Each structure stands twice: as C-alpha cells, then as structure tokens.
Amino acid sequence: CDPMHGNTVTAEQGLKTRRYEDIFQEIESFFDIHQKLKSFPGGIHLELTGADVTECTGGAIGLNEADLEARYHTQCDPRLNVDQSIEIAFALSDYLVAGR
C-alpha cells in the first residue's frame, strides 16, 4: 500500500502537500479489502522524517495549508513529520487491534 503518492495535492500557495486524513483513509481501505478477501497485506509505504517539518497537513497537531511555509524543507515530495508519523503508527495499531 502506497498511500502517499496518490494523495499528493497542490496547496493554494503552490506547494505540494498531502493530507493526513487522506493517507490514513487509504491505509484503512487497504486493510479492509485484504480482510474481506482473506489475503495478506504485505505492508505500507510511508514517506516520513524525524524532523519537525510542515509538509503534510492534518493530524492531531492540526497543521493546515497556512502552516506549510513555516518549515517546508522537502526537495521533492512532502513527508509526514515526527508527530504525524508517530500518530499514524499508533492509529494503525489501534485500528488493527479493533478489527480482530
């Protein structure tokens, strides 16, 4: 599952970004489909960094498009920041445990 590349959008100021909520929704759909088909989900691909960047919007920290320019450091594709990365890991864990 690659929920990053298909969910890239252009913000009003022209920066490429991704919405946390879109990324997680695609991950949920991926696992739901595999569960229904009784197939094995091989894994997910996330683009992330341990740095405090502002490249993707959303998540519990509530980044919005106006926040992007504050710490937008990517040379190519927007990455989840450290807080969003940890949040998505725990949200996925909770989602998978609840589905059992």
Protein backbone atom coordinates (compact mmCIF):
# COMPACT_ATOMS: atom_id res chain seq x y z
CA CYS A 1 0.00 0.00 0.00
CA ASP A 2 1.40 3.38 -1.01
CA PRO A 3 -0.97 5.97 0.47
CA MET A 4 1.45 8.81 -0.18
CA HIS A 5 1.81 9.31 -3.94
CA GLY A 6 -1.86 9.06 -4.91
CA ASN A 7 -2.77 11.61 -2.26
CA THR A 8 -0.48 14.47 -3.25
CA VAL A 9 -2.27 17.76 -3.85
CA THR A 10 -1.17 21.32 -4.55
CA ALA A 11 -1.89 23.84 -1.81
CA GLU A 12 -3.18 27.31 -2.60
CA GLN A 13 0.34 28.79 -2.36
CA GLY A 14 1.65 26.26 -4.90
CA LEU A 15 3.38 23.82 -2.52
CA LYS A 16 2.86 20.09 -2.88
CA THR A 17 1.28 18.60 0.22
CA ARG A 18 -0.61 15.59 1.48
CA ARG A 19 -3.50 15.42 3.95
CA TYR A 20 -3.00 13.13 6.94
CA GLU A 21 -6.66 12.14 6.84
CA ASP A 22 -6.46 11.05 3.17
CA ILE A 23 -3.35 8.98 3.88
CA PHE A 24 -4.93 7.19 6.82
CA GLN A 25 -8.21 6.61 4.98
CA GLU A 26 -6.32 4.83 2.20
CA ILE A 27 -4.49 2.68 4.77
CA GLU A 28 -7.81 1.70 6.36
CA SER A 29 -9.26 0.80 2.97
CA PHE A 30 -6.19 -1.29 2.16
CA PHE A 31 -6.54 -3.37 5.32
CA ASP A 32 -10.34 -3.63 4.96
CA ILE A 33 -10.01 -5.02 1.43
CA HIS A 34 -7.41 -7.57 2.49
CA GLN A 35 -9.54 -8.64 5.44
CA LYS A 36 -12.61 -9.13 3.20
CA LEU A 37 -10.60 -11.09 0.64
CA LYS A 38 -8.79 -13.04 3.35
CA SER A 39 -5.50 -12.08 1.74
CA PHE A 40 -2.24 -10.97 3.32
CA PRO A 41 -1.46 -7.24 3.40
CA GLY A 42 2.25 -7.09 2.61
CA GLY A 43 2.91 -3.69 4.16
CA ILE A 44 2.61 0.04 3.75
CA HIS A 45 4.98 2.65 2.31
CA LEU A 46 5.16 5.97 4.12
CA GLU A 47 7.37 8.94 3.40
CA LEU A 48 8.30 10.46 6.74
CA THR A 49 11.03 12.22 8.64
CA GLY A 50 12.03 12.53 12.27
CA ALA A 51 12.28 16.27 11.75
CA ASP A 52 9.71 18.87 12.75
CA VAL A 53 8.71 19.83 9.21
CA THR A 54 5.43 21.28 7.97
CA GLU A 55 4.94 19.47 4.67
CA CYS A 56 1.73 17.47 5.24
CA THR A 57 -1.46 18.92 6.69
CA GLY A 58 -3.75 17.45 9.33
CA GLY A 59 -3.28 15.04 12.17
CA ALA A 60 -3.72 15.79 15.86
CA ILE A 61 -1.39 18.78 15.67
CA GLY A 62 -3.81 20.37 13.21
CA LEU A 63 -1.42 21.66 10.56
CA ASN A 64 -3.24 23.49 7.79
CA GLU A 65 -2.16 24.92 4.45
CA ALA A 66 -1.24 28.25 6.05
CA ASP A 67 1.34 26.40 8.19
CA LEU A 68 3.16 24.77 5.28
CA GLU A 69 5.70 27.53 4.61
CA ALA A 70 6.94 27.60 8.23
CA ARG A 71 9.23 24.54 7.88
CA TYR A 72 8.73 23.20 4.35
CA HIS A 73 12.14 21.62 3.64
CA THR A 74 11.48 18.83 1.14
CA GLN A 75 13.36 18.85 -2.15
CA CYS A 76 10.78 16.59 -3.78
CA ASP A 77 7.77 15.04 -2.05
CA PRO A 78 6.08 16.14 1.19
CA ARG A 79 6.74 13.92 4.21
CA LEU A 80 4.87 13.23 7.42
CA ASN A 81 6.66 14.93 10.31
CA VAL A 82 7.72 13.22 13.51
CA ASP A 83 4.39 13.85 15.30
CA GLN A 84 2.28 12.75 12.34
CA SER A 85 4.45 9.64 11.88
CA ILE A 86 4.02 8.52 15.48
CA GLU A 87 0.32 9.34 15.34
CA ILE A 88 -0.21 7.24 12.22
CA ALA A 89 1.70 4.30 13.77
CA PHE A 90 -0.50 4.32 16.88
CA ALA A 91 -3.70 4.92 14.90
CA LEU A 92 -2.90 1.97 12.65
CA SER A 93 -2.13 -0.21 15.66
CA ASP A 94 -5.46 0.72 17.28
CA TYR A 95 -7.29 0.12 14.00
CA LEU A 96 -5.77 -3.32 13.50
CA VAL A 97 -6.39 -4.40 17.10
CA ALA A 98 -10.03 -3.24 16.90
CA GLY A 99 -10.54 -5.24 13.71
CA ARG A 100 -9.61 -8.58 15.29
